[in-house]
Amino acid sequence: MPNFGIPRRAANDVRTESANSPLNWRRGLFRIWILLSAGWIMGWTIYLLLEGVQGSLNTRGDFVEVPILLFAPPIALWLFGLAAAWAIKGFDTER
């Protein structure tokens, strides 16, 4: 009779497959950067909305600071990540 169920594997087969699979560092770190950047932007947006409702944002200079405050740190972190990746690639052996 043919087996139509889930194929059975030994427990050690599953461990060796997951232990030998390489990690995709680039994709993982990019996703962490996306999450941190989104959290940064959401947190400051909520704070600035509450300050605006209270009337604290009065001058034109206050409104110029908002995009700098929201987007400069995530962009700086991204550029630092690119520079760090470039530096680490310098240690690879040439083929």
C-alpha atoms as a PDB file:
ATOM      1  CA  MET A   1       0.000   0.000   0.000  1.00  0.00           C
ATOM      2  CA  PRO A   2       1.489   3.423  -0.924  1.00  0.00           C
ATOM      3  CA  ASN A   3       2.237   5.887   1.829  1.00  0.00           C
ATOM      4  CA  PHE A   4       0.195   9.076   1.295  1.00  0.00           C
ATOM      5  CA  GLY A   5       1.019  10.718   4.609  1.00  0.00           C
ATOM      6  CA  ILE A   6       3.806  13.011   5.693  1.00  0.00           C
ATOM      7  CA  PRO A   7       7.174  11.403   5.013  1.00  0.00           C
ATOM      8  CA  ARG A   8       8.939  10.354   8.173  1.00  0.00           C
ATOM      9  CA  ARG A   9      12.490  11.485   8.733  1.00  0.00           C
ATOM     10  CA  ALA A  10      14.914  10.753  11.454  1.00  0.00           C
ATOM     11  CA  ALA A  11      15.344  13.522  14.005  1.00  0.00           C
ATOM     12  CA  ASN A  12      19.042  13.841  13.209  1.00  0.00           C
ATOM     13  CA  ASP A  13      18.306  14.537   9.513  1.00  0.00           C
ATOM     14  CA  VAL A  14      16.375  17.662  10.404  1.00  0.00           C
ATOM     15  CA  ARG A  15      19.145  18.923  12.664  1.00  0.00           C
ATOM     16  CA  THR A  16      21.869  18.472  10.074  1.00  0.00           C
ATOM     17  CA  GLU A  17      19.859  20.279   7.377  1.00  0.00           C
ATOM     18  CA  SER A  18      19.245  23.336   9.547  1.00  0.00           C
ATOM     19  CA  ALA A  19      22.787  23.390  10.922  1.00  0.00           C
ATOM     20  CA  ASN A  20      24.345  23.373   7.458  1.00  0.00           C
ATOM     21  CA  SER A  21      22.093  25.988   5.882  1.00  0.00           C
ATOM     22  CA  PRO A  22      23.884  29.329   5.475  1.00  0.00           C
ATOM     23  CA  LEU A  23      22.420  32.494   6.933  1.00  0.00           C
ATOM     24  CA  ASN A  24      21.502  35.357   4.655  1.00  0.00           C
ATOM     25  CA  TRP A  25      23.047  38.174   6.683  1.00  0.00           C
ATOM     26  CA  ARG A  26      22.346  40.855   4.118  1.00  0.00           C
ATOM     27  CA  ARG A  27      18.602  40.174   4.017  1.00  0.00           C
ATOM     28  CA  GLY A  28      18.344  39.753   7.789  1.00  0.00           C
ATOM     29  CA  LEU A  29      20.186  42.960   8.617  1.00  0.00           C
ATOM     30  CA  PHE A  30      18.197  44.863   5.996  1.00  0.00           C
ATOM     31  CA  ARG A  31      14.965  43.702   7.605  1.00  0.00           C
ATOM     32  CA  ILE A  32      16.227  44.747  11.034  1.00  0.00           C
ATOM     33  CA  TRP A  33      17.115  48.167   9.593  1.00  0.00           C
ATOM     34  CA  ILE A  34      13.598  48.459   8.118  1.00  0.00           C
ATOM     35  CA  LEU A  35      12.027  47.628  11.486  1.00  0.00           C
ATOM     36  CA  LEU A  36      14.244  50.018  13.433  1.00  0.00           C
ATOM     37  CA  SER A  37      13.689  52.818  10.922  1.00  0.00           C
ATOM     38  CA  ALA A  38       9.935  52.311  10.924  1.00  0.00           C
ATOM     39  CA  GLY A  39       9.904  52.349  14.727  1.00  0.00           C
ATOM     40  CA  TRP A  40      12.004  55.521  14.812  1.00  0.00           C
ATOM     41  CA  ILE A  41       9.777  57.315  12.304  1.00  0.00           C
ATOM     42  CA  MET A  42       6.534  56.178  13.945  1.00  0.00           C
ATOM     43  CA  GLY A  43       7.697  57.144  17.425  1.00  0.00           C
ATOM     44  CA  TRP A  44       8.814  60.627  16.441  1.00  0.00           C
ATOM     45  CA  THR A  45       5.733  61.146  14.256  1.00  0.00           C
ATOM     46  CA  ILE A  46       3.439  60.416  17.177  1.00  0.00           C
ATOM     47  CA  TYR A  47       5.483  62.674  19.447  1.00  0.00           C
ATOM     48  CA  LEU A  48       5.480  65.522  16.923  1.00  0.00           C
ATOM     49  CA  LEU A  49       1.747  65.157  16.292  1.00  0.00           C
ATOM     50  CA  LEU A  50       1.093  65.473  20.005  1.00  0.00           C
ATOM     51  CA  GLU A  51       3.381  68.520  20.198  1.00  0.00           C
ATOM     52  CA  GLY A  52       1.586  70.077  17.207  1.00  0.00           C
ATOM     53  CA  VAL A  53      -1.789  69.557  18.811  1.00  0.00           C
ATOM     54  CA  GLN A  54      -0.550  71.346  21.933  1.00  0.00           C
ATOM     55  CA  GLY A  55       0.664  74.268  19.807  1.00  0.00           C
ATOM     56  CA  SER A  56       4.409  73.844  20.372  1.00  0.00           C
ATOM     57  CA  LEU A  57       5.324  73.938  16.680  1.00  0.00           C
ATOM     58  CA  ASN A  58       5.047  77.639  15.907  1.00  0.00           C
ATOM     59  CA  THR A  59       7.899  78.810  13.686  1.00  0.00           C
ATOM     60  CA  ARG A  60       8.964  77.833  10.194  1.00  0.00           C
ATOM     61  CA  GLY A  61      12.208  76.440  11.630  1.00  0.00           C
ATOM     62  CA  ASP A  62      10.238  73.936  13.670  1.00  0.00           C
ATOM     63  CA  PHE A  63       8.708  72.504  10.506  1.00  0.00           C
ATOM     64  CA  VAL A  64      12.102  72.305   8.775  1.00  0.00           C
ATOM     65  CA  GLU A  65      13.477  70.231  11.639  1.00  0.00           C
ATOM     66  CA  VAL A  66      10.749  67.606  11.345  1.00  0.00           C
ATOM     67  CA  PRO A  67      11.949  65.808   8.164  1.00  0.00           C
ATOM     68  CA  ILE A  68      15.550  65.990   9.375  1.00  0.00           C
ATOM     69  CA  LEU A  69      14.566  64.460  12.705  1.00  0.00           C
ATOM     70  CA  LEU A  70      12.504  61.731  11.050  1.00  0.00           C
ATOM     71  CA  PHE A  71      14.725  60.625   8.178  1.00  0.00           C
ATOM     72  CA  ALA A  72      18.342  61.582   8.924  1.00  0.00           C
ATOM     73  CA  PRO A  73      19.113  58.884  11.545  1.00  0.00           C
ATOM     74  CA  PRO A  74      17.720  55.953   9.468  1.00  0.00           C
ATOM     75  CA  ILE A  75      19.622  57.153   6.385  1.00  0.00           C
ATOM     76  CA  ALA A  76      22.799  57.568   8.428  1.00  0.00           C
ATOM     77  CA  LEU A  77      22.397  54.037   9.821  1.00  0.00           C
ATOM     78  CA  TRP A  78      21.890  52.661   6.296  1.00  0.00           C
ATOM     79  CA  LEU A  79      25.015  54.424   5.041  1.00  0.00           C
ATOM     80  CA  PHE A  80      26.974  53.095   8.021  1.00  0.00           C
ATOM     81  CA  GLY A  81      25.776  49.579   7.165  1.00  0.00           C
ATOM     82  CA  LEU A  82      26.933  49.984   3.573  1.00  0.00           C
ATOM     83  CA  ALA A  83      30.325  51.224   4.753  1.00  0.00           C
ATOM     84  CA  ALA A  84      30.636  48.339   7.224  1.00  0.00           C
ATOM     85  CA  ALA A  85      29.768  45.803   4.493  1.00  0.00           C
ATOM     86  CA  TRP A  86      32.374  47.373   2.212  1.00  0.00           C
ATOM     87  CA  ALA A  87      34.999  47.166   4.963  1.00  0.00           C
ATOM     88  CA  ILE A  88      34.180  43.538   5.758  1.00  0.00           C
ATOM     89  CA  LYS A  89      34.360  42.571   2.085  1.00  0.00           C
ATOM     90  CA  GLY A  90      37.941  43.857   2.122  1.00  0.00           C
ATOM     91  CA  PHE A  91      38.922  40.874   4.282  1.00  0.00           C
ATOM     92  CA  ASP A  92      37.718  38.300   1.719  1.00  0.00           C
ATOM     93  CA  THR A  93      40.387  36.351  -0.087  1.00  0.00           C
ATOM     94  CA  GLU A  94      40.667  37.084  -3.779  1.00  0.00           C
ATOM     95  CA  ARG A  95      39.724  34.231  -6.071  1.00  0.00           C
END
